[in-house]
Amino acid sequence: NMPDTPLGQYLGQTQIAVSADGLILIAGGEGGSALNIVYVFSRNPTNEFTLEQQLEGEESGDWFGNTLDLSRSGNLLAVAAPYASPRLTKEGSIYLYVRNETNKFNHYRRFDGASSFEYLGIGGTMINSTESMLAIHALGLTSCEGGDAFLQTYTLECACVNKKHVCQGFSAFPALVCDDKIPYS
């Protein structure tokens, strides 16, 4: 059940993502001031979704939430703002958020497109994780090179203090561990 609120008019306009256990629901939608908003819902004990948090884009009209993805664990959220212009003109940005112990998402990192009119994330955003790897994929446009679509991939690297150990647990990010086991894929 979704709450009867004015939010209903925005849900489904862009994208919806759900954690593997069905307890976290993320919905992208345009806010009334043209500043895009991502809504974070959680399922309560009566099996209804309640609004927990609203994440807002940094720029008016940046299309924050146009595409998004939530990791299977529900701990990592990737949100595209393809019309963001942090350094150039509409190169786009991908924002990463990590869920904390109180179920709130905190900003973790931002990736920006490399050229003007790249619109990073306009064609899709995806989180891919295994025990030994975490990658964020974003589909954008390269209008400066003829308007072709391209896929940009960002990977998270981890370095263990003990060189005999390898990072494990990327599927449960941010709960990484250093282990002496050989990672599997």
N, C-alpha and C. Protein backbone atom coordinates (compact mmCIF):
# COMPACT_ATOMS: atom_id res chain seq x y z
N ASN A 1 0.83 -1.20 0.00
CA ASN A 1 0.00 0.00 0.00
C ASN A 1 0.87 1.25 0.00
N MET A 2 0.53 2.18 -0.85
CA MET A 2 1.22 3.47 -0.88
C MET A 2 0.33 4.48 -0.17
N PRO A 3 0.93 5.41 0.56
CA PRO A 3 0.12 6.39 1.28
C PRO A 3 -0.64 7.30 0.31
N ASP A 4 -1.83 7.75 0.73
CA ASP A 4 -2.60 8.71 -0.06
C ASP A 4 -2.07 10.10 0.21
N THR A 5 -1.13 10.53 -0.61
CA THR A 5 -0.53 11.85 -0.46
C THR A 5 -0.36 12.46 -1.83
N PRO A 6 -0.03 13.74 -1.90
CA PRO A 6 0.24 14.35 -3.20
C PRO A 6 1.43 13.72 -3.92
N LEU A 7 2.22 12.90 -3.22
CA LEU A 7 3.36 12.26 -3.85
C LEU A 7 2.92 11.33 -4.97
N GLY A 8 1.71 10.80 -4.87
CA GLY A 8 1.22 9.86 -5.86
C GLY A 8 1.28 10.40 -7.28
N GLN A 9 1.16 11.71 -7.44
CA GLN A 9 1.21 12.28 -8.78
C GLN A 9 2.60 12.19 -9.40
N TYR A 10 3.63 12.02 -8.58
CA TYR A 10 5.00 11.96 -9.10
C TYR A 10 5.52 10.54 -9.24
N LEU A 11 4.97 9.60 -8.47
CA LEU A 11 5.50 8.25 -8.48
C LEU A 11 5.33 7.62 -9.85
N GLY A 12 6.39 7.00 -10.33
CA GLY A 12 6.34 6.32 -11.60
C GLY A 12 6.64 7.20 -12.80
N GLN A 13 6.83 8.52 -12.58
CA GLN A 13 7.16 9.38 -13.71
C GLN A 13 8.55 9.07 -14.24
N THR A 14 9.44 8.66 -13.38
CA THR A 14 10.78 8.32 -13.83
C THR A 14 11.06 6.86 -13.52
N GLN A 15 11.62 6.57 -12.35
CA GLN A 15 11.99 5.20 -12.04
C GLN A 15 11.66 4.83 -10.62
N ILE A 16 11.50 3.52 -10.40
CA ILE A 16 11.30 2.98 -9.07
C ILE A 16 12.27 1.82 -8.89
N ALA A 17 12.86 1.72 -7.71
CA ALA A 17 13.75 0.61 -7.38
C ALA A 17 13.34 0.06 -6.01
N VAL A 18 13.49 -1.26 -5.83
CA VAL A 18 13.10 -1.91 -4.59
C VAL A 18 14.25 -2.81 -4.15
N SER A 19 14.54 -2.82 -2.85
CA SER A 19 15.57 -3.71 -2.32
C SER A 19 15.11 -5.16 -2.48
N ALA A 20 16.05 -6.10 -2.44
CA ALA A 20 15.74 -7.52 -2.65
C ALA A 20 14.76 -8.05 -1.60
N ASP A 21 14.81 -7.52 -0.38
CA ASP A 21 13.89 -7.99 0.67
C ASP A 21 12.54 -7.27 0.63
N GLY A 22 12.39 -6.29 -0.27
CA GLY A 22 11.12 -5.57 -0.42
C GLY A 22 10.83 -4.56 0.67
N LEU A 23 11.82 -4.25 1.51
CA LEU A 23 11.57 -3.33 2.62
C LEU A 23 11.87 -1.86 2.29
N ILE A 24 12.68 -1.61 1.26
CA ILE A 24 13.03 -0.24 0.87
C ILE A 24 12.55 -0.02 -0.56
N LEU A 25 11.85 1.09 -0.79
CA LEU A 25 11.38 1.46 -2.11
C LEU A 25 11.88 2.87 -2.40
N ILE A 26 12.48 3.06 -3.57
CA ILE A 26 12.98 4.37 -3.99
C ILE A 26 12.21 4.79 -5.23
N ALA A 27 11.73 6.02 -5.26
CA ALA A 27 10.99 6.53 -6.41
C ALA A 27 11.53 7.89 -6.80
N GLY A 28 11.82 8.05 -8.08
CA GLY A 28 12.25 9.35 -8.59
C GLY A 28 11.04 10.10 -9.12
N GLY A 29 11.02 11.40 -8.93
CA GLY A 29 9.91 12.21 -9.42
C GLY A 29 10.27 13.67 -9.37
N GLU A 30 9.62 14.46 -10.20
CA GLU A 30 9.93 15.89 -10.26
C GLU A 30 9.18 16.63 -9.17
N GLY A 31 9.88 17.46 -8.43
CA GLY A 31 9.27 18.29 -7.40
C GLY A 31 8.62 19.52 -8.02
N GLY A 32 7.78 20.20 -7.26
CA GLY A 32 7.03 21.34 -7.76
C GLY A 32 7.88 22.52 -8.17
N SER A 33 9.09 22.65 -7.65
CA SER A 33 9.92 23.81 -7.96
C SER A 33 10.91 23.53 -9.09
N ALA A 34 10.69 22.46 -9.84
CA ALA A 34 11.58 22.03 -10.93
C ALA A 34 12.91 21.51 -10.39
N LEU A 35 13.07 21.44 -9.07
CA LEU A 35 14.21 20.77 -8.47
C LEU A 35 13.76 19.34 -8.23
N ASN A 36 14.40 18.40 -8.85
CA ASN A 36 13.94 17.02 -8.80
C ASN A 36 14.22 16.40 -7.44
N ILE A 37 13.36 15.49 -7.07
CA ILE A 37 13.41 14.86 -5.75
C ILE A 37 13.34 13.35 -5.91
N VAL A 38 14.08 12.63 -5.06
CA VAL A 38 13.99 11.18 -4.96
C VAL A 38 13.37 10.88 -3.61
N TYR A 39 12.34 10.04 -3.61
CA TYR A 39 11.61 9.69 -2.39
C TYR A 39 12.05 8.33 -1.90
N VAL A 40 12.33 8.23 -0.61
CA VAL A 40 12.75 6.98 0.02
C VAL A 40 11.62 6.52 0.94
N PHE A 41 11.08 5.33 0.66
CA PHE A 41 10.02 4.75 1.47
C PHE A 41 10.54 3.49 2.15
N SER A 42 9.97 3.17 3.31
CA SER A 42 10.26 1.88 3.94
C SER A 42 8.94 1.21 4.30
N ARG A 43 8.96 -0.10 4.28
CA ARG A 43 7.76 -0.87 4.63
C ARG A 43 7.68 -0.97 6.14
N ASN A 44 6.54 -0.59 6.72
CA ASN A 44 6.38 -0.63 8.18
C ASN A 44 5.78 -1.97 8.61
N PRO A 45 5.66 -2.21 9.92
CA PRO A 45 5.15 -3.50 10.41
C PRO A 45 3.73 -3.84 9.93
N THR A 46 2.93 -2.84 9.54
CA THR A 46 1.58 -3.12 9.04
C THR A 46 1.59 -3.33 7.52
N ASN A 47 2.79 -3.51 6.95
CA ASN A 47 2.99 -3.81 5.54
C ASN A 47 2.65 -2.65 4.61
N GLU A 48 2.70 -1.43 5.11
CA GLU A 48 2.48 -0.25 4.29
C GLU A 48 3.80 0.50 4.13
N PHE A 49 3.95 1.18 3.01
CA PHE A 49 5.15 2.00 2.79
C PHE A 49 4.94 3.38 3.39
N THR A 50 5.94 3.84 4.14
CA THR A 50 5.90 5.18 4.69
C THR A 50 7.10 5.97 4.16
N LEU A 51 6.88 7.25 3.94
CA LEU A 51 7.94 8.12 3.45
C LEU A 51 8.95 8.34 4.56
N GLU A 52 10.21 8.01 4.28
CA GLU A 52 11.29 8.15 5.26
C GLU A 52 12.17 9.36 5.00
N GLN A 53 12.35 9.69 3.72
CA GLN A 53 13.35 10.70 3.38
C GLN A 53 13.11 11.22 1.97
N GLN A 54 13.50 12.48 1.74
CA GLN A 54 13.50 13.05 0.40
C GLN A 54 14.92 13.52 0.10
N LEU A 55 15.46 13.07 -1.01
CA LEU A 55 16.78 13.50 -1.46
C LEU A 55 16.57 14.49 -2.60
N GLU A 56 17.26 15.61 -2.56
CA GLU A 56 17.04 16.65 -3.55
C GLU A 56 18.29 16.88 -4.40
N GLY A 57 18.07 17.21 -5.66
CA GLY A 57 19.16 17.57 -6.55
C GLY A 57 19.78 18.89 -6.14
N GLU A 58 20.97 19.15 -6.64
CA GLU A 58 21.69 20.37 -6.29
C GLU A 58 21.29 21.56 -7.14
N GLU A 59 20.79 21.31 -8.37
CA GLU A 59 20.47 22.39 -9.28
C GLU A 59 19.02 22.27 -9.74
N SER A 60 18.36 23.38 -9.89
CA SER A 60 17.02 23.37 -10.46
C SER A 60 17.09 22.86 -11.89
N GLY A 61 16.23 21.91 -12.23
CA GLY A 61 16.18 21.39 -13.58
C GLY A 61 17.29 20.42 -13.94
N ASP A 62 17.98 19.84 -12.95
CA ASP A 62 19.09 18.91 -13.27
C ASP A 62 18.60 17.49 -13.57
N TRP A 63 17.31 17.24 -13.45
CA TRP A 63 16.67 15.95 -13.68
C TRP A 63 17.19 14.90 -12.68
N PHE A 64 17.49 15.34 -11.47
CA PHE A 64 17.92 14.45 -10.40
C PHE A 64 16.84 13.39 -10.19
N GLY A 65 17.22 12.11 -10.29
CA GLY A 65 16.27 11.02 -10.13
C GLY A 65 15.70 10.52 -11.44
N ASN A 66 16.16 11.09 -12.56
CA ASN A 66 15.68 10.64 -13.87
C ASN A 66 15.90 9.14 -14.05
N THR A 67 17.07 8.65 -13.67
CA THR A 67 17.32 7.21 -13.59
C THR A 67 17.99 6.95 -12.25
N LEU A 68 17.81 5.75 -11.72
CA LEU A 68 18.38 5.41 -10.42
C LEU A 68 18.44 3.91 -10.28
N ASP A 69 19.20 3.45 -9.30
CA ASP A 69 19.25 2.03 -8.98
C ASP A 69 19.59 1.88 -7.50
N LEU A 70 19.09 0.81 -6.92
CA LEU A 70 19.31 0.47 -5.52
C LEU A 70 19.96 -0.89 -5.48
N SER A 71 21.01 -1.03 -4.66
CA SER A 71 21.66 -2.34 -4.54
C SER A 71 20.69 -3.35 -3.95
N ARG A 72 20.96 -4.62 -4.18
CA ARG A 72 20.07 -5.68 -3.66
C ARG A 72 19.91 -5.59 -2.15
N SER A 73 21.00 -5.23 -1.45
CA SER A 73 20.93 -5.12 0.00
C SER A 73 20.16 -3.90 0.46
N GLY A 74 19.96 -2.94 -0.44
CA GLY A 74 19.28 -1.69 -0.08
C GLY A 74 20.18 -0.69 0.61
N ASN A 75 21.49 -0.96 0.64
CA ASN A 75 22.43 -0.07 1.33
C ASN A 75 23.07 0.97 0.45
N LEU A 76 23.02 0.80 -0.86
CA LEU A 76 23.68 1.73 -1.78
C LEU A 76 22.68 2.17 -2.83
N LEU A 77 22.60 3.48 -3.04
CA LEU A 77 21.68 4.08 -4.00
C LEU A 77 22.48 4.93 -4.98
N ALA A 78 22.25 4.73 -6.26
CA ALA A 78 22.86 5.54 -7.32
C ALA A 78 21.76 6.35 -7.99
N VAL A 79 21.94 7.67 -8.07
CA VAL A 79 20.93 8.56 -8.65
C VAL A 79 21.58 9.42 -9.73
N ALA A 80 20.98 9.43 -10.91
CA ALA A 80 21.49 10.25 -12.02
C ALA A 80 20.82 11.61 -12.03
N ALA A 81 21.61 12.62 -12.37
CA ALA A 81 21.13 13.97 -12.65
C ALA A 81 21.73 14.36 -13.99
N PRO A 82 21.16 13.89 -15.11
CA PRO A 82 21.81 14.04 -16.41
C PRO A 82 21.94 15.47 -16.93
N TYR A 83 21.14 16.39 -16.39
CA TYR A 83 21.24 17.78 -16.83
C TYR A 83 22.06 18.64 -15.86
N ALA A 84 22.73 18.01 -14.90
CA ALA A 84 23.57 18.76 -13.95
C ALA A 84 24.75 19.38 -14.69
N SER A 85 25.14 20.55 -14.23
CA SER A 85 26.27 21.27 -14.85
C SER A 85 27.25 21.72 -13.76
N PRO A 86 27.89 20.77 -13.06
CA PRO A 86 28.79 21.16 -11.97
C PRO A 86 30.05 21.89 -12.43
N ARG A 87 30.57 21.56 -13.62
CA ARG A 87 31.80 22.21 -14.11
C ARG A 87 31.63 22.74 -15.52
N LEU A 88 30.88 22.04 -16.34
CA LEU A 88 30.76 22.37 -17.76
C LEU A 88 29.30 22.71 -18.06
N THR A 89 28.78 22.22 -19.18
CA THR A 89 27.38 22.44 -19.53
C THR A 89 26.70 21.09 -19.74
N LYS A 90 25.80 20.75 -18.82
CA LYS A 90 24.99 19.54 -18.91
C LYS A 90 25.81 18.27 -19.12
N GLU A 91 26.94 18.17 -18.41
CA GLU A 91 27.72 16.93 -18.49
C GLU A 91 27.07 15.81 -17.68
N GLY A 92 26.23 16.17 -16.71
CA GLY A 92 25.53 15.19 -15.89
C GLY A 92 26.36 14.70 -14.73
N SER A 93 25.67 14.19 -13.72
CA SER A 93 26.33 13.67 -12.51
C SER A 93 25.61 12.42 -12.03
N ILE A 94 26.36 11.53 -11.40
CA ILE A 94 25.82 10.36 -10.71
C ILE A 94 26.15 10.54 -9.24
N TYR A 95 25.12 10.49 -8.39
CA TYR A 95 25.29 10.64 -6.95
C TYR A 95 25.14 9.28 -6.29
N LEU A 96 26.05 8.96 -5.39
CA LEU A 96 25.97 7.72 -4.61
C LEU A 96 25.60 8.07 -3.18
N TYR A 97 24.67 7.30 -2.63
CA TYR A 97 24.22 7.46 -1.25
C TYR A 97 24.35 6.13 -0.54
N VAL A 98 24.74 6.17 0.74
CA VAL A 98 24.88 4.97 1.56
C VAL A 98 23.89 5.07 2.71
N ARG A 99 23.17 3.98 2.95
CA ARG A 99 22.18 3.95 4.03
C ARG A 99 22.89 3.72 5.36
N ASN A 100 22.55 4.52 6.36
CA ASN A 100 23.18 4.39 7.67
C ASN A 100 22.34 3.53 8.61
N GLU A 101 22.77 3.42 9.87
CA GLU A 101 22.11 2.54 10.83
C GLU A 101 20.70 3.00 11.20
N THR A 102 20.34 4.26 10.90
CA THR A 102 18.99 4.75 11.17
C THR A 102 18.12 4.73 9.90
N ASN A 103 18.58 4.00 8.87
CA ASN A 103 17.90 3.84 7.59
C ASN A 103 17.82 5.11 6.76
N LYS A 104 18.63 6.09 7.05
CA LYS A 104 18.69 7.31 6.23
C LYS A 104 19.85 7.19 5.25
N PHE A 105 19.66 7.74 4.06
CA PHE A 105 20.71 7.73 3.06
C PHE A 105 21.55 8.99 3.18
N ASN A 106 22.87 8.83 3.26
CA ASN A 106 23.81 9.94 3.31
C ASN A 106 24.59 9.99 2.01
N HIS A 107 24.86 11.22 1.55
CA HIS A 107 25.64 11.38 0.32
C HIS A 107 27.03 10.80 0.55
N TYR A 108 27.48 9.99 -0.40
CA TYR A 108 28.78 9.32 -0.29
C TYR A 108 29.78 9.86 -1.30
N ARG A 109 29.36 9.98 -2.56
CA ARG A 109 30.29 10.39 -3.62
C ARG A 109 29.50 10.86 -4.83
N ARG A 110 30.14 11.70 -5.65
CA ARG A 110 29.53 12.15 -6.90
C ARG A 110 30.52 11.95 -8.03
N PHE A 111 30.02 11.40 -9.16
CA PHE A 111 30.81 11.27 -10.38
C PHE A 111 30.22 12.22 -11.41
N ASP A 112 31.06 13.00 -12.08
CA ASP A 112 30.60 13.94 -13.09
C ASP A 112 31.01 13.47 -14.48
N GLY A 113 30.18 13.82 -15.47
CA GLY A 113 30.52 13.54 -16.86
C GLY A 113 31.78 14.29 -17.24
N ALA A 114 32.41 13.87 -18.33
CA ALA A 114 33.71 14.42 -18.72
C ALA A 114 33.61 15.54 -19.76
N SER A 115 32.46 15.65 -20.45
CA SER A 115 32.36 16.68 -21.48
C SER A 115 30.98 17.33 -21.48
N SER A 116 30.90 18.51 -22.02
CA SER A 116 29.62 19.21 -22.11
C SER A 116 28.63 18.38 -22.93
N PHE A 117 27.38 18.46 -22.55
CA PHE A 117 26.27 17.76 -23.23
C PHE A 117 26.46 16.25 -23.26
N GLU A 118 27.09 15.72 -22.22
CA GLU A 118 27.25 14.26 -22.09
C GLU A 118 25.98 13.64 -21.51
N TYR A 119 25.25 14.38 -20.67
CA TYR A 119 24.01 13.91 -20.05
C TYR A 119 24.21 12.55 -19.37
N LEU A 120 25.24 12.45 -18.55
CA LEU A 120 25.58 11.20 -17.88
C LEU A 120 24.38 10.66 -17.10
N GLY A 121 24.02 9.42 -17.37
CA GLY A 121 22.92 8.76 -16.68
C GLY A 121 21.56 8.92 -17.34
N ILE A 122 21.47 9.66 -18.43
CA ILE A 122 20.15 9.88 -19.04
C ILE A 122 19.53 8.60 -19.58
N GLY A 123 20.35 7.67 -20.00
CA GLY A 123 19.84 6.42 -20.57
C GLY A 123 19.75 5.28 -19.59
N GLY A 124 20.17 5.48 -18.36
CA GLY A 124 20.08 4.43 -17.35
C GLY A 124 21.23 4.48 -16.36
N THR A 125 20.98 3.94 -15.19
CA THR A 125 21.97 3.85 -14.12
C THR A 125 21.81 2.47 -13.48
N MET A 126 22.94 1.80 -13.21
CA MET A 126 22.87 0.44 -12.69
C MET A 126 24.00 0.19 -11.70
N ILE A 127 23.67 -0.54 -10.63
CA ILE A 127 24.66 -1.00 -9.66
C ILE A 127 24.89 -2.49 -9.93
N ASN A 128 26.16 -2.88 -10.04
CA ASN A 128 26.51 -4.28 -10.25
C ASN A 128 27.49 -4.66 -9.15
N SER A 129 27.12 -5.62 -8.31
CA SER A 129 28.03 -6.00 -7.23
C SER A 129 28.08 -7.51 -7.06
N THR A 130 29.28 -7.97 -6.71
CA THR A 130 29.51 -9.35 -6.33
C THR A 130 30.25 -9.28 -5.00
N GLU A 131 30.68 -10.40 -4.49
CA GLU A 131 31.45 -10.38 -3.25
C GLU A 131 32.79 -9.67 -3.43
N SER A 132 33.34 -9.68 -4.66
CA SER A 132 34.68 -9.16 -4.88
C SER A 132 34.74 -7.88 -5.71
N MET A 133 33.59 -7.29 -6.09
CA MET A 133 33.61 -6.13 -6.97
C MET A 133 32.33 -5.32 -6.84
N LEU A 134 32.45 -4.00 -7.00
CA LEU A 134 31.30 -3.10 -7.04
C LEU A 134 31.50 -2.14 -8.19
N ALA A 135 30.53 -2.07 -9.10
CA ALA A 135 30.62 -1.17 -10.24
C ALA A 135 29.32 -0.39 -10.39
N ILE A 136 29.44 0.87 -10.79
CA ILE A 136 28.30 1.72 -11.11
C ILE A 136 28.37 1.99 -12.60
N HIS A 137 27.30 1.69 -13.33
CA HIS A 137 27.24 1.91 -14.77
C HIS A 137 26.25 3.04 -15.05
N ALA A 138 26.60 3.92 -15.97
CA ALA A 138 25.71 5.02 -16.35
C ALA A 138 25.77 5.21 -17.86
N LEU A 139 24.59 5.23 -18.48
CA LEU A 139 24.50 5.42 -19.92
C LEU A 139 24.27 6.90 -20.21
N GLY A 140 25.13 7.47 -21.05
CA GLY A 140 25.03 8.88 -21.40
C GLY A 140 25.12 9.07 -22.90
N LEU A 141 25.23 10.32 -23.31
CA LEU A 141 25.37 10.68 -24.73
C LEU A 141 26.70 11.39 -24.92
N THR A 142 27.30 11.21 -26.05
CA THR A 142 28.52 11.94 -26.38
C THR A 142 28.24 12.82 -27.59
N SER A 143 27.46 13.88 -27.38
CA SER A 143 27.07 14.73 -28.50
C SER A 143 28.26 15.38 -29.17
N CYS A 144 29.35 15.58 -28.42
CA CYS A 144 30.54 16.17 -29.03
C CYS A 144 31.21 15.20 -30.00
N GLU A 145 30.83 13.91 -29.94
CA GLU A 145 31.39 12.90 -30.84
C GLU A 145 30.30 12.30 -31.73
N GLY A 146 29.27 13.07 -32.05
CA GLY A 146 28.26 12.61 -32.97
C GLY A 146 26.96 12.13 -32.35
N GLY A 147 26.78 12.27 -31.05
CA GLY A 147 25.51 11.94 -30.43
C GLY A 147 25.30 10.47 -30.10
N ASP A 148 26.35 9.66 -30.16
CA ASP A 148 26.21 8.25 -29.85
C ASP A 148 26.05 8.04 -28.34
N ALA A 149 25.32 7.01 -27.99
CA ALA A 149 25.19 6.63 -26.59
C ALA A 149 26.46 5.88 -26.17
N PHE A 150 26.82 6.01 -24.91
CA PHE A 150 27.98 5.28 -24.41
C PHE A 150 27.74 4.91 -22.95
N LEU A 151 28.43 3.88 -22.50
CA LEU A 151 28.32 3.41 -21.13
C LEU A 151 29.59 3.77 -20.38
N GLN A 152 29.43 4.49 -19.28
CA GLN A 152 30.56 4.85 -18.41
C GLN A 152 30.48 3.96 -17.18
N THR A 153 31.60 3.35 -16.78
CA THR A 153 31.63 2.46 -15.62
C THR A 153 32.61 2.99 -14.59
N TYR A 154 32.16 3.05 -13.35
CA TYR A 154 33.00 3.46 -12.22
C TYR A 154 33.09 2.27 -11.27
N THR A 155 34.29 1.94 -10.83
CA THR A 155 34.46 0.82 -9.90
C THR A 155 35.00 1.32 -8.58
N LEU A 156 34.58 0.68 -7.52
CA LEU A 156 35.05 1.00 -6.19
C LEU A 156 36.26 0.13 -5.90
N GLU A 157 37.33 0.74 -5.47
CA GLU A 157 38.52 -0.01 -5.12
C GLU A 157 38.71 0.01 -3.62
N CYS A 158 39.28 -1.05 -3.12
CA CYS A 158 39.52 -1.19 -1.70
C CYS A 158 40.92 -1.75 -1.52
N ALA A 159 41.65 -1.22 -0.57
CA ALA A 159 43.01 -1.70 -0.28
C ALA A 159 43.08 -2.15 1.17
N CYS A 160 43.41 -3.41 1.36
CA CYS A 160 43.58 -3.94 2.72
C CYS A 160 44.99 -3.61 3.20
N VAL A 161 45.13 -3.37 4.50
CA VAL A 161 46.43 -3.07 5.08
C VAL A 161 47.38 -4.25 4.91
N ASN A 162 46.88 -5.45 5.17
CA ASN A 162 47.66 -6.66 4.99
C ASN A 162 47.59 -7.05 3.51
N LYS A 163 48.71 -7.04 2.83
CA LYS A 163 48.75 -7.31 1.39
C LYS A 163 48.32 -8.73 1.03
N LYS A 164 48.30 -9.66 2.00
CA LYS A 164 47.86 -11.02 1.74
C LYS A 164 46.33 -11.13 1.72
N HIS A 165 45.65 -10.09 2.16
CA HIS A 165 44.19 -10.11 2.23
C HIS A 165 43.59 -9.41 1.01
N VAL A 166 42.35 -9.75 0.72
CA VAL A 166 41.60 -9.09 -0.35
C VAL A 166 40.29 -8.58 0.22
N CYS A 167 39.75 -7.55 -0.41
CA CYS A 167 38.46 -7.01 0.02
C CYS A 167 37.36 -7.98 -0.36
N GLN A 168 36.41 -8.14 0.53
CA GLN A 168 35.25 -9.01 0.32
C GLN A 168 34.00 -8.25 0.78
N GLY A 169 32.85 -8.72 0.36
CA GLY A 169 31.60 -8.18 0.86
C GLY A 169 31.05 -7.00 0.10
N PHE A 170 31.49 -6.80 -1.15
CA PHE A 170 30.99 -5.67 -1.93
C PHE A 170 29.47 -5.74 -2.13
N SER A 171 28.91 -6.95 -2.12
CA SER A 171 27.46 -7.09 -2.29
C SER A 171 26.69 -6.53 -1.10
N ALA A 172 27.36 -6.37 0.04
CA ALA A 172 26.73 -5.78 1.23
C ALA A 172 27.31 -4.41 1.54
N PHE A 173 27.90 -3.75 0.53
CA PHE A 173 28.50 -2.44 0.73
C PHE A 173 27.59 -1.55 1.56
N PRO A 174 28.12 -0.81 2.55
CA PRO A 174 29.51 -0.49 2.82
C PRO A 174 30.20 -1.42 3.81
N ALA A 175 29.65 -2.59 4.09
CA ALA A 175 30.22 -3.52 5.07
C ALA A 175 31.34 -4.34 4.45
N LEU A 176 32.42 -3.71 4.03
CA LEU A 176 33.55 -4.41 3.43
C LEU A 176 34.42 -5.04 4.52
N VAL A 177 35.03 -6.16 4.18
CA VAL A 177 35.95 -6.81 5.09
C VAL A 177 37.20 -7.20 4.33
N CYS A 178 38.31 -7.27 5.02
CA CYS A 178 39.55 -7.78 4.45
C CYS A 178 39.68 -9.22 4.93
N ASP A 179 39.91 -10.12 3.97
CA ASP A 179 39.91 -11.54 4.29
C ASP A 179 41.05 -12.19 3.51
N ASP A 180 41.56 -13.30 4.02
CA ASP A 180 42.64 -14.00 3.33
C ASP A 180 42.11 -15.01 2.33
N LYS A 181 40.80 -15.07 2.11
CA LYS A 181 40.22 -16.00 1.17
C LYS A 181 40.32 -15.46 -0.24
N ILE A 182 40.37 -16.35 -1.20
CA ILE A 182 40.36 -15.96 -2.61
C ILE A 182 38.94 -15.55 -2.96
N PRO A 183 38.76 -14.35 -3.54
CA PRO A 183 37.40 -13.92 -3.88
C PRO A 183 36.83 -14.76 -5.01
N TYR A 184 35.53 -14.92 -5.00
CA TYR A 184 34.86 -15.61 -6.09
C TYR A 184 33.98 -14.62 -6.82
N SER A 185 33.64 -14.94 -8.07
CA SER A 185 32.80 -14.02 -8.84
C SER A 185 31.56 -14.68 -9.32
